[in-house]
Full PDB file with SEQRES, HELIX, SHEET, SSBOND, CRYST1, ORIGX, SCALE, CONECT and MASTER records, all heavy atoms in Angstrom:
SEQRES   1 A   36  ILE GLU GLU ASP ASP ILE SER ALA ALA PHE HIS ASP HIS          
SEQRES   2 A   36  ARG ASP LEU LEU GLY HIS VAL HIS ILE ALA GLU MET ILE          
SEQRES   3 A   36  SER TYR LYS VAL LYS VAL ILE ASP TYR LYS                      
HELIX    1 AA1 ILE A    6  ASP A   12  1                                   7    
CRYST1    1.000    1.000    1.000  90.00  90.00  90.00 P 1           1          
ORIGX1      1.000000  0.000000  0.000000        0.00000                         
ORIGX2      0.000000  1.000000  0.000000        0.00000                         
ORIGX3      0.000000  0.000000  1.000000        0.00000                         
SCALE1      1.000000  0.000000  0.000000        0.00000                         
SCALE2      0.000000  1.000000  0.000000        0.00000                         
SCALE3      0.000000  0.000000  1.000000        0.00000                         
ATOM      1  N   ILE A   1     -84.066 -52.395 169.506  1.00  0.00           N  
ATOM      2  CA  ILE A   1     -82.974 -51.446 169.419  1.00  0.00           C  
ATOM      3  C   ILE A   1     -81.697 -52.055 169.883  1.00  0.00           C  
ATOM      4  O   ILE A   1     -80.635 -51.883 169.196  1.00  0.00           O  
ATOM      5  CB  ILE A   1     -83.358 -50.183 170.247  1.00  0.00           C  
ATOM      6  CG1 ILE A   1     -84.601 -49.524 169.700  1.00  0.00           C  
ATOM      7  CG2 ILE A   1     -82.159 -49.156 170.261  1.00  0.00           C  
ATOM      8  CD1 ILE A   1     -85.061 -48.399 170.595  1.00  0.00           C  
ATOM      9  N   GLU A   2     -81.766 -52.824 170.950  1.00  0.00           N  
ATOM     10  CA  GLU A   2     -80.499 -53.240 171.589  1.00  0.00           C  
ATOM     11  C   GLU A   2     -80.035 -54.652 171.200  1.00  0.00           C  
ATOM     12  O   GLU A   2     -78.810 -54.893 171.362  1.00  0.00           O  
ATOM     13  CB  GLU A   2     -80.693 -53.178 173.151  1.00  0.00           C  
ATOM     14  CG  GLU A   2     -81.023 -51.769 173.638  1.00  0.00           C  
ATOM     15  CD  GLU A   2     -79.909 -50.772 173.429  1.00  0.00           C  
ATOM     16  OE1 GLU A   2     -78.735 -51.204 173.246  1.00  0.00           O  
ATOM     17  OE2 GLU A   2     -80.170 -49.622 173.469  1.00  0.00           O  
ATOM     18  N   GLU A   3     -80.884 -55.541 170.910  1.00  0.00           N  
ATOM     19  CA  GLU A   3     -80.519 -56.934 170.651  1.00  0.00           C  
ATOM     20  C   GLU A   3     -80.283 -57.140 169.137  1.00  0.00           C  
ATOM     21  O   GLU A   3     -81.055 -56.690 168.294  1.00  0.00           O  
ATOM     22  CB  GLU A   3     -81.548 -57.950 171.109  1.00  0.00           C  
ATOM     23  CG  GLU A   3     -81.948 -57.753 172.606  1.00  0.00           C  
ATOM     24  CD  GLU A   3     -80.860 -58.266 173.537  1.00  0.00           C  
ATOM     25  OE1 GLU A   3     -79.834 -58.800 173.073  1.00  0.00           O  
ATOM     26  OE2 GLU A   3     -81.036 -58.036 174.783  1.00  0.00           O  
ATOM     27  N   ASP A   4     -79.208 -57.898 168.785  1.00  0.00           N  
ATOM     28  CA  ASP A   4     -78.962 -58.221 167.351  1.00  0.00           C  
ATOM     29  C   ASP A   4     -80.058 -59.188 166.837  1.00  0.00           C  
ATOM     30  O   ASP A   4     -80.416 -59.078 165.651  1.00  0.00           O  
ATOM     31  CB  ASP A   4     -77.590 -58.834 167.203  1.00  0.00           C  
ATOM     32  CG  ASP A   4     -76.507 -57.869 167.518  1.00  0.00           C  
ATOM     33  OD1 ASP A   4     -76.687 -56.620 167.277  1.00  0.00           O  
ATOM     34  OD2 ASP A   4     -75.417 -58.341 167.938  1.00  0.00           O  
ATOM     35  N   ASP A   5     -80.515 -60.105 167.625  1.00  0.00           N  
ATOM     36  CA  ASP A   5     -81.537 -61.078 167.235  1.00  0.00           C  
ATOM     37  C   ASP A   5     -82.418 -61.319 168.449  1.00  0.00           C  
ATOM     38  O   ASP A   5     -81.921 -61.896 169.424  1.00  0.00           O  
ATOM     39  CB  ASP A   5     -80.758 -62.351 166.743  1.00  0.00           C  
ATOM     40  CG  ASP A   5     -81.731 -63.399 166.238  1.00  0.00           C  
ATOM     41  OD1 ASP A   5     -82.821 -63.579 166.795  1.00  0.00           O  
ATOM     42  OD2 ASP A   5     -81.364 -64.070 165.201  1.00  0.00           O  
ATOM     43  N   ILE A   6     -83.673 -60.968 168.350  1.00  0.00           N  
ATOM     44  CA  ILE A   6     -84.561 -61.092 169.522  1.00  0.00           C  
ATOM     45  C   ILE A   6     -84.778 -62.497 169.909  1.00  0.00           C  
ATOM     46  O   ILE A   6     -84.732 -62.907 171.055  1.00  0.00           O  
ATOM     47  CB  ILE A   6     -85.943 -60.380 169.199  1.00  0.00           C  
ATOM     48  CG1 ILE A   6     -85.730 -58.869 169.038  1.00  0.00           C  
ATOM     49  CG2 ILE A   6     -86.915 -60.721 170.297  1.00  0.00           C  
ATOM     50  CD1 ILE A   6     -87.004 -58.113 168.694  1.00  0.00           C  
ATOM     51  N   SER A   7     -85.013 -63.417 168.885  1.00  0.00           N  
ATOM     52  CA  SER A   7     -85.286 -64.844 169.220  1.00  0.00           C  
ATOM     53  C   SER A   7     -84.041 -65.465 169.771  1.00  0.00           C  
ATOM     54  O   SER A   7     -84.107 -66.273 170.756  1.00  0.00           O  
ATOM     55  CB  SER A   7     -85.624 -65.580 167.943  1.00  0.00           C  
ATOM     56  OG  SER A   7     -86.878 -65.159 167.459  1.00  0.00           O  
ATOM     57  N   ALA A   8     -82.819 -65.117 169.329  1.00  0.00           N  
ATOM     58  CA  ALA A   8     -81.618 -65.650 169.885  1.00  0.00           C  
ATOM     59  C   ALA A   8     -81.403 -65.173 171.308  1.00  0.00           C  
ATOM     60  O   ALA A   8     -80.934 -65.942 172.166  1.00  0.00           O  
ATOM     61  CB  ALA A   8     -80.390 -65.242 169.039  1.00  0.00           C  
ATOM     62  N   ALA A   9     -81.758 -63.904 171.595  1.00  0.00           N  
ATOM     63  CA  ALA A   9     -81.628 -63.385 172.960  1.00  0.00           C  
ATOM     64  C   ALA A   9     -82.583 -64.152 173.874  1.00  0.00           C  
ATOM     65  O   ALA A   9     -82.190 -64.499 175.046  1.00  0.00           O  
ATOM     66  CB  ALA A   9     -81.936 -61.885 172.987  1.00  0.00           C  
ATOM     67  N   PHE A  10     -83.822 -64.412 173.411  1.00  0.00           N  
ATOM     68  CA  PHE A  10     -84.735 -65.212 174.241  1.00  0.00           C  
ATOM     69  C   PHE A  10     -84.177 -66.609 174.537  1.00  0.00           C  
ATOM     70  O   PHE A  10     -84.207 -67.071 175.611  1.00  0.00           O  
ATOM     71  CB  PHE A  10     -86.058 -65.355 173.510  1.00  0.00           C  
ATOM     72  CG  PHE A  10     -86.995 -64.226 173.616  1.00  0.00           C  
ATOM     73  CD1 PHE A  10     -88.072 -64.052 172.761  1.00  0.00           C  
ATOM     74  CD2 PHE A  10     -86.813 -63.199 174.618  1.00  0.00           C  
ATOM     75  CE1 PHE A  10     -88.943 -62.962 172.865  1.00  0.00           C  
ATOM     76  CE2 PHE A  10     -87.628 -62.132 174.687  1.00  0.00           C  
ATOM     77  CZ  PHE A  10     -88.735 -62.010 173.825  1.00  0.00           C  
ATOM     78  N   HIS A  11     -83.603 -67.192 173.535  1.00  0.00           N  
ATOM     79  CA  HIS A  11     -83.045 -68.541 173.635  1.00  0.00           C  
ATOM     80  C   HIS A  11     -81.868 -68.563 174.621  1.00  0.00           C  
ATOM     81  O   HIS A  11     -81.717 -69.451 175.485  1.00  0.00           O  
ATOM     82  CB  HIS A  11     -82.615 -69.111 172.314  1.00  0.00           C  
ATOM     83  CG  HIS A  11     -82.112 -70.551 172.331  1.00  0.00           C  
ATOM     84  ND1 HIS A  11     -80.858 -70.851 172.581  1.00  0.00           N  
ATOM     85  CD2 HIS A  11     -82.861 -71.679 172.197  1.00  0.00           C  
ATOM     86  CE1 HIS A  11     -80.695 -72.210 172.587  1.00  0.00           C  
ATOM     87  NE2 HIS A  11     -81.925 -72.724 172.374  1.00  0.00           N  
ATOM     88  N   ASP A  12     -81.011 -67.566 174.486  1.00  0.00           N  
ATOM     89  CA  ASP A  12     -79.810 -67.502 175.308  1.00  0.00           C  
ATOM     90  C   ASP A  12     -80.108 -67.369 176.769  1.00  0.00           C  
ATOM     91  O   ASP A  12     -79.305 -67.801 177.665  1.00  0.00           O  
ATOM     92  CB  ASP A  12     -78.830 -66.366 174.873  1.00  0.00           C  
ATOM     93  CG  ASP A  12     -78.254 -66.643 173.505  1.00  0.00           C  
ATOM     94  OD1 ASP A  12     -78.242 -67.829 173.046  1.00  0.00           O  
ATOM     95  OD2 ASP A  12     -77.720 -65.731 172.853  1.00  0.00           O  
ATOM     96  N   HIS A  13     -81.241 -66.650 177.082  1.00  0.00           N  
ATOM     97  CA  HIS A  13     -81.569 -66.335 178.463  1.00  0.00           C  
ATOM     98  C   HIS A  13     -82.895 -67.018 178.888  1.00  0.00           C  
ATOM     99  O   HIS A  13     -83.589 -66.559 179.776  1.00  0.00           O  
ATOM    100  CB  HIS A  13     -81.622 -64.846 178.644  1.00  0.00           C  
ATOM    101  CG  HIS A  13     -80.366 -64.164 178.244  1.00  0.00           C  
ATOM    102  ND1 HIS A  13     -79.191 -64.245 178.950  1.00  0.00           N  
ATOM    103  CD2 HIS A  13     -80.060 -63.500 177.107  1.00  0.00           C  
ATOM    104  CE1 HIS A  13     -78.246 -63.594 178.318  1.00  0.00           C  
ATOM    105  NE2 HIS A  13     -78.742 -63.066 177.218  1.00  0.00           N  
ATOM    106  N   ARG A  14     -83.196 -68.118 178.223  1.00  0.00           N  
ATOM    107  CA  ARG A  14     -84.509 -68.796 178.392  1.00  0.00           C  
ATOM    108  C   ARG A  14     -84.740 -69.292 179.850  1.00  0.00           C  
ATOM    109  O   ARG A  14     -85.849 -69.319 180.322  1.00  0.00           O  
ATOM    110  CB  ARG A  14     -84.627 -70.016 177.418  1.00  0.00           C  
ATOM    111  CG  ARG A  14     -83.535 -71.072 177.628  1.00  0.00           C  
ATOM    112  CD  ARG A  14     -83.570 -72.033 176.456  1.00  0.00           C  
ATOM    113  NE  ARG A  14     -82.553 -73.083 176.565  1.00  0.00           N  
ATOM    114  CZ  ARG A  14     -81.304 -72.899 176.202  1.00  0.00           C  
ATOM    115  NH1 ARG A  14     -80.843 -71.760 175.737  1.00  0.00           N  
ATOM    116  NH2 ARG A  14     -80.416 -73.943 176.302  1.00  0.00           N  
ATOM    117  N   ASP A  15     -83.621 -69.600 180.552  1.00  0.00           N  
ATOM    118  CA  ASP A  15     -83.750 -70.120 181.911  1.00  0.00           C  
ATOM    119  C   ASP A  15     -84.157 -68.985 182.878  1.00  0.00           C  
ATOM    120  O   ASP A  15     -84.714 -69.292 183.977  1.00  0.00           O  
ATOM    121  CB  ASP A  15     -82.524 -70.729 182.409  1.00  0.00           C  
ATOM    122  CG  ASP A  15     -81.259 -69.807 182.279  1.00  0.00           C  
ATOM    123  OD1 ASP A  15     -81.218 -68.975 181.316  1.00  0.00           O  
ATOM    124  OD2 ASP A  15     -80.401 -69.878 183.152  1.00  0.00           O  
ATOM    125  N   LEU A  16     -83.997 -67.719 182.484  1.00  0.00           N  
ATOM    126  CA  LEU A  16     -84.357 -66.658 183.402  1.00  0.00           C  
ATOM    127  C   LEU A  16     -85.448 -65.734 182.799  1.00  0.00           C  
ATOM    128  O   LEU A  16     -85.848 -64.768 183.492  1.00  0.00           O  
ATOM    129  CB  LEU A  16     -83.095 -65.770 183.675  1.00  0.00           C  
ATOM    130  CG  LEU A  16     -82.027 -66.418 184.548  1.00  0.00           C  
ATOM    131  CD1 LEU A  16     -80.799 -65.532 184.684  1.00  0.00           C  
ATOM    132  CD2 LEU A  16     -82.567 -66.835 185.885  1.00  0.00           C  
ATOM    133  N   LEU A  17     -85.895 -66.043 181.625  1.00  0.00           N  
ATOM    134  CA  LEU A  17     -86.953 -65.233 181.028  1.00  0.00           C  
ATOM    135  C   LEU A  17     -88.305 -65.568 181.659  1.00  0.00           C  
ATOM    136  O   LEU A  17     -88.679 -66.754 181.637  1.00  0.00           O  
ATOM    137  CB  LEU A  17     -87.019 -65.516 179.453  1.00  0.00           C  
ATOM    138  CG  LEU A  17     -88.008 -64.658 178.712  1.00  0.00           C  
ATOM    139  CD1 LEU A  17     -87.491 -63.197 178.669  1.00  0.00           C  
ATOM    140  CD2 LEU A  17     -88.123 -65.142 177.284  1.00  0.00           C  
ATOM    141  N   GLY A  18     -88.980 -64.511 182.240  1.00  0.00           N  
ATOM    142  CA  GLY A  18     -90.197 -64.756 182.909  1.00  0.00           C  
ATOM    143  C   GLY A  18     -91.423 -64.071 182.320  1.00  0.00           C  
ATOM    144  O   GLY A  18     -92.551 -64.520 182.592  1.00  0.00           O  
ATOM    145  N   HIS A  19     -91.215 -63.088 181.456  1.00  0.00           N  
ATOM    146  CA  HIS A  19     -92.397 -62.352 180.973  1.00  0.00           C  
ATOM    147  C   HIS A  19     -91.896 -61.593 179.711  1.00  0.00           C  
ATOM    148  O   HIS A  19     -90.748 -61.384 179.489  1.00  0.00           O  
ATOM    149  CB  HIS A  19     -92.831 -61.314 182.029  1.00  0.00           C  
ATOM    150  CG  HIS A  19     -94.146 -60.725 181.776  1.00  0.00           C  
ATOM    151  ND1 HIS A  19     -95.316 -61.453 181.644  1.00  0.00           N  
ATOM    152  CD2 HIS A  19     -94.550 -59.401 181.638  1.00  0.00           C  
ATOM    153  CE1 HIS A  19     -96.325 -60.633 181.476  1.00  0.00           C  
ATOM    154  NE2 HIS A  19     -95.867 -59.395 181.445  1.00  0.00           N  
ATOM    155  N   VAL A  20     -92.935 -61.257 178.876  1.00  0.00           N  
ATOM    156  CA  VAL A  20     -92.606 -60.521 177.596  1.00  0.00           C  
ATOM    157  C   VAL A  20     -93.618 -59.376 177.358  1.00  0.00           C  
ATOM    158  O   VAL A  20     -94.762 -59.561 177.632  1.00  0.00           O  
ATOM    159  CB  VAL A  20     -92.682 -61.546 176.424  1.00  0.00           C  
ATOM    160  CG1 VAL A  20     -92.545 -60.791 175.106  1.00  0.00           C  
ATOM    161  CG2 VAL A  20     -91.595 -62.636 176.530  1.00  0.00           C  
ATOM    162  N   HIS A  21     -93.096 -58.287 176.909  1.00  0.00           N  
ATOM    163  CA  HIS A  21     -93.937 -57.194 176.440  1.00  0.00           C  
ATOM    164  C   HIS A  21     -93.912 -57.137 174.922  1.00  0.00           C  
ATOM    165  O   HIS A  21     -92.848 -57.101 174.348  1.00  0.00           O  
ATOM    166  CB  HIS A  21     -93.416 -55.804 176.984  1.00  0.00           C  
ATOM    167  CG  HIS A  21     -93.918 -55.502 178.293  1.00  0.00           C  
ATOM    168  ND1 HIS A  21     -93.349 -54.453 179.051  1.00  0.00           N  
ATOM    169  CD2 HIS A  21     -94.915 -56.007 179.096  1.00  0.00           C  
ATOM    170  CE1 HIS A  21     -94.021 -54.406 180.215  1.00  0.00           C  
ATOM    171  NE2 HIS A  21     -94.884 -55.318 180.258  1.00  0.00           N  
ATOM    172  N   ILE A  22     -95.043 -57.167 174.315  1.00  0.00           N  
ATOM    173  CA  ILE A  22     -95.175 -57.012 172.860  1.00  0.00           C  
ATOM    174  C   ILE A  22     -95.386 -55.571 172.527  1.00  0.00           C  
ATOM    175  O   ILE A  22     -96.334 -54.971 172.888  1.00  0.00           O  
ATOM    176  CB  ILE A  22     -96.340 -57.870 172.341  1.00  0.00           C  
ATOM    177  CG1 ILE A  22     -96.195 -59.316 172.664  1.00  0.00           C  
ATOM    178  CG2 ILE A  22     -96.492 -57.658 170.791  1.00  0.00           C  
ATOM    179  CD1 ILE A  22     -97.423 -60.149 172.274  1.00  0.00           C  
ATOM    180  N   ALA A  23     -94.408 -55.024 171.829  1.00  0.00           N  
ATOM    181  CA  ALA A  23     -94.456 -53.569 171.495  1.00  0.00           C  
ATOM    182  C   ALA A  23     -93.524 -53.348 170.311  1.00  0.00           C  
ATOM    183  O   ALA A  23     -92.522 -54.064 170.167  1.00  0.00           O  
ATOM    184  CB  ALA A  23     -94.143 -52.692 172.600  1.00  0.00           C  
ATOM    185  N   GLU A  24     -93.825 -52.351 169.451  1.00  0.00           N  
ATOM    186  CA  GLU A  24     -92.969 -52.138 168.280  1.00  0.00           C  
ATOM    187  C   GLU A  24     -93.065 -50.679 167.891  1.00  0.00           C  
ATOM    188  O   GLU A  24     -94.083 -50.047 168.046  1.00  0.00           O  
ATOM    189  CB  GLU A  24     -93.405 -53.024 167.118  1.00  0.00           C  
ATOM    190  CG  GLU A  24     -92.485 -52.842 165.925  1.00  0.00           C  
ATOM    191  CD  GLU A  24     -92.773 -53.910 164.816  1.00  0.00           C  
ATOM    192  OE1 GLU A  24     -93.770 -54.628 164.955  1.00  0.00           O  
ATOM    193  OE2 GLU A  24     -92.060 -53.919 163.846  1.00  0.00           O  
ATOM    194  N   MET A  25     -91.956 -50.122 167.373  1.00  0.00           N  
ATOM    195  CA  MET A  25     -91.934 -48.790 166.813  1.00  0.00           C  
ATOM    196  C   MET A  25     -92.477 -48.916 165.361  1.00  0.00           C  
ATOM    197  O   MET A  25     -91.720 -49.492 164.510  1.00  0.00           O  
ATOM    198  CB  MET A  25     -90.518 -48.214 166.826  1.00  0.00           C  
ATOM    199  CG  MET A  25     -90.042 -47.817 168.220  1.00  0.00           C  
ATOM    200  SD  MET A  25     -88.446 -46.928 168.152  1.00  0.00           S  
ATOM    201  CE  MET A  25     -87.366 -48.182 167.432  1.00  0.00           C  
ATOM    202  N   ILE A  26     -93.623 -48.386 165.123  1.00  0.00           N  
ATOM    203  CA  ILE A  26     -94.226 -48.463 163.836  1.00  0.00           C  
ATOM    204  C   ILE A  26     -93.308 -47.860 162.762  1.00  0.00           C  
ATOM    205  O   ILE A  26     -93.225 -48.296 161.638  1.00  0.00           O  
ATOM    206  CB  ILE A  26     -95.597 -47.800 163.790  1.00  0.00           C  
ATOM    207  CG1 ILE A  26     -96.514 -48.572 164.774  1.00  0.00           C  
ATOM    208  CG2 ILE A  26     -96.211 -47.825 162.394  1.00  0.00           C  
ATOM    209  CD1 ILE A  26     -97.854 -47.870 165.012  1.00  0.00           C  
ATOM    210  N   SER A  27     -92.647 -46.736 163.082  1.00  0.00           N  
ATOM    211  CA  SER A  27     -91.870 -45.985 162.081  1.00  0.00           C  
ATOM    212  C   SER A  27     -90.451 -46.560 161.986  1.00  0.00           C  
ATOM    213  O   SER A  27     -89.660 -46.020 161.183  1.00  0.00           O  
ATOM    214  CB  SER A  27     -91.839 -44.537 162.468  1.00  0.00           C  
ATOM    215  OG  SER A  27     -91.197 -44.371 163.753  1.00  0.00           O  
ATOM    216  N   TYR A  28     -90.083 -47.529 162.700  1.00  0.00           N  
ATOM    217  CA  TYR A  28     -88.772 -48.093 162.674  1.00  0.00           C  
ATOM    218  C   TYR A  28     -88.650 -49.152 161.547  1.00  0.00           C  
ATOM    219  O   TYR A  28     -89.109 -50.265 161.702  1.00  0.00           O  
ATOM    220  CB  TYR A  28     -88.386 -48.689 163.973  1.00  0.00           C  
ATOM    221  CG  TYR A  28     -86.907 -48.972 164.246  1.00  0.00           C  
ATOM    222  CD1 TYR A  28     -86.076 -47.858 164.651  1.00  0.00           C  
ATOM    223  CD2 TYR A  28     -86.319 -50.176 163.990  1.00  0.00           C  
ATOM    224  CE1 TYR A  28     -84.759 -48.039 164.856  1.00  0.00           C  
ATOM    225  CE2 TYR A  28     -84.936 -50.368 164.151  1.00  0.00           C  
ATOM    226  CZ  TYR A  28     -84.197 -49.329 164.633  1.00  0.00           C  
ATOM    227  OH  TYR A  28     -82.854 -49.511 164.863  1.00  0.00           O  
ATOM    228  N   LYS A  29     -88.171 -48.743 160.383  1.00  0.00           N  
ATOM    229  CA  LYS A  29     -88.365 -49.534 159.165  1.00  0.00           C  
ATOM    230  C   LYS A  29     -87.173 -50.503 158.935  1.00  0.00           C  
ATOM    231  O   LYS A  29     -87.246 -51.414 158.169  1.00  0.00           O  
ATOM    232  CB  LYS A  29     -88.465 -48.627 157.955  1.00  0.00           C  
ATOM    233  CG  LYS A  29     -89.698 -47.698 158.031  1.00  0.00           C  
ATOM    234  CD  LYS A  29     -90.980 -48.440 158.081  1.00  0.00           C  
ATOM    235  CE  LYS A  29     -92.145 -47.485 158.025  1.00  0.00           C  
ATOM    236  NZ  LYS A  29     -93.434 -48.167 158.170  1.00  0.00           N  
ATOM    237  N   VAL A  30     -86.043 -50.333 159.571  1.00  0.00           N  
ATOM    238  CA  VAL A  30     -84.868 -51.166 159.337  1.00  0.00           C  
ATOM    239  C   VAL A  30     -85.042 -52.530 159.819  1.00  0.00           C  
ATOM    240  O   VAL A  30     -84.759 -53.494 159.101  1.00  0.00           O  
ATOM    241  CB  VAL A  30     -83.611 -50.451 159.930  1.00  0.00           C  
ATOM    242  CG1 VAL A  30     -82.416 -51.393 159.619  1.00  0.00           C  
ATOM    243  CG2 VAL A  30     -83.387 -49.091 159.377  1.00  0.00           C  
ATOM    244  N   LYS A  31     -85.505 -52.716 161.043  1.00  0.00           N  
ATOM    245  CA  LYS A  31     -85.673 -54.043 161.646  1.00  0.00           C  
ATOM    246  C   LYS A  31     -87.171 -54.309 161.877  1.00  0.00           C  
ATOM    247  O   LYS A  31     -87.792 -53.651 162.699  1.00  0.00           O  
ATOM    248  CB  LYS A  31     -84.947 -54.121 162.985  1.00  0.00           C  
ATOM    249  CG  LYS A  31     -83.437 -54.064 162.815  1.00  0.00           C  
ATOM    250  CD  LYS A  31     -82.725 -53.876 164.157  1.00  0.00           C  
ATOM    251  CE  LYS A  31     -82.896 -55.053 165.057  1.00  0.00           C  
ATOM    252  NZ  LYS A  31     -82.187 -54.805 166.340  1.00  0.00           N  
ATOM    253  N   VAL A  32     -87.739 -55.238 161.151  1.00  0.00           N  
ATOM    254  CA  VAL A  32     -89.127 -55.529 161.293  1.00  0.00           C  
ATOM    255  C   VAL A  32     -89.235 -56.830 162.133  1.00  0.00           C  
ATOM    256  O   VAL A  32     -88.551 -57.830 161.874  1.00  0.00           O  
ATOM    257  CB  VAL A  32     -89.829 -55.823 159.940  1.00  0.00           C  
ATOM    258  CG1 VAL A  32     -91.305 -56.204 160.148  1.00  0.00           C  
ATOM    259  CG2 VAL A  32     -89.756 -54.557 159.066  1.00  0.00           C  
ATOM    260  N   ILE A  33     -90.014 -56.748 163.192  1.00  0.00           N  
ATOM    261  CA  ILE A  33     -90.088 -57.840 164.134  1.00  0.00           C  
ATOM    262  C   ILE A  33     -90.902 -59.068 163.518  1.00  0.00           C  
ATOM    263  O   ILE A  33     -92.004 -58.886 162.949  1.00  0.00           O  
ATOM    264  CB  ILE A  33     -90.780 -57.452 165.457  1.00  0.00           C  
ATOM    265  CG1 ILE A  33     -89.927 -56.425 166.144  1.00  0.00           C  
ATOM    266  CG2 ILE A  33     -91.055 -58.652 166.349  1.00  0.00           C  
ATOM    267  CD1 ILE A  33     -90.527 -55.790 167.399  1.00  0.00           C  
ATOM    268  N   ASP A  34     -90.306 -60.239 163.551  1.00  0.00           N  
ATOM    269  CA  ASP A  34     -91.011 -61.441 163.057  1.00  0.00           C  
ATOM    270  C   ASP A  34     -91.723 -62.029 164.257  1.00  0.00           C  
ATOM    271  O   ASP A  34     -91.165 -62.812 165.020  1.00  0.00           O  
ATOM    272  CB  ASP A  34     -89.963 -62.459 162.515  1.00  0.00           C  
ATOM    273  CG  ASP A  34     -90.571 -63.609 161.861  1.00  0.00           C  
ATOM    274  OD1 ASP A  34     -91.757 -63.939 162.165  1.00  0.00           O  
ATOM    275  OD2 ASP A  34     -89.928 -64.322 161.082  1.00  0.00           O  
ATOM    276  N   TYR A  35     -92.952 -61.647 164.394  1.00  0.00           N  
ATOM    277  CA  TYR A  35     -93.731 -62.100 165.580  1.00  0.00           C  
ATOM    278  C   TYR A  35     -93.980 -63.583 165.548  1.00  0.00           C  
ATOM    279  O   TYR A  35     -93.964 -64.251 166.637  1.00  0.00           O  
ATOM    280  CB  TYR A  35     -95.067 -61.353 165.610  1.00  0.00           C  
ATOM    281  CG  TYR A  35     -94.950 -59.906 166.025  1.00  0.00           C  
ATOM    282  CD1 TYR A  35     -94.983 -58.925 165.046  1.00  0.00           C  
ATOM    283  CD2 TYR A  35     -94.767 -59.550 167.361  1.00  0.00           C  
ATOM    284  CE1 TYR A  35     -94.791 -57.545 165.413  1.00  0.00           C  
ATOM    285  CE2 TYR A  35     -94.640 -58.245 167.747  1.00  0.00           C  
ATOM    286  CZ  TYR A  35     -94.679 -57.250 166.811  1.00  0.00           C  
ATOM    287  OH  TYR A  35     -94.542 -55.922 167.175  1.00  0.00           O  
ATOM    288  N   LYS A  36     -94.166 -64.176 164.422  1.00  0.00           N  
ATOM    289  CA  LYS A  36     -94.399 -65.651 164.339  1.00  0.00           C  
ATOM    290  C   LYS A  36     -93.188 -66.379 164.827  1.00  0.00           C  
ATOM    291  O   LYS A  36     -93.396 -67.333 165.688  1.00  0.00           O  
ATOM    292  CB  LYS A  36     -94.733 -66.022 162.905  1.00  0.00           C  
ATOM    293  CG  LYS A  36     -95.102 -67.532 162.854  1.00  0.00           C  
ATOM    294  CD  LYS A  36     -95.437 -67.892 161.396  1.00  0.00           C  
ATOM    295  CE  LYS A  36     -95.795 -69.392 161.273  1.00  0.00           C  
ATOM    296  NZ  LYS A  36     -96.223 -69.770 159.867  1.00  0.00           N  
TER     297      LYS A  36                                                      
MASTER        0    0    0    1    0    0    0    6  296    1    0    3          
END                                                                             
């Protein structure tokens, strides 16, 4: 919902990223998460 690019956000804050939750809104059709 909040980030323009999830992978880019991870990269930008990689030095402080410590954990990840995998979750998705099934009905949210506009932005499909590229899990790979």
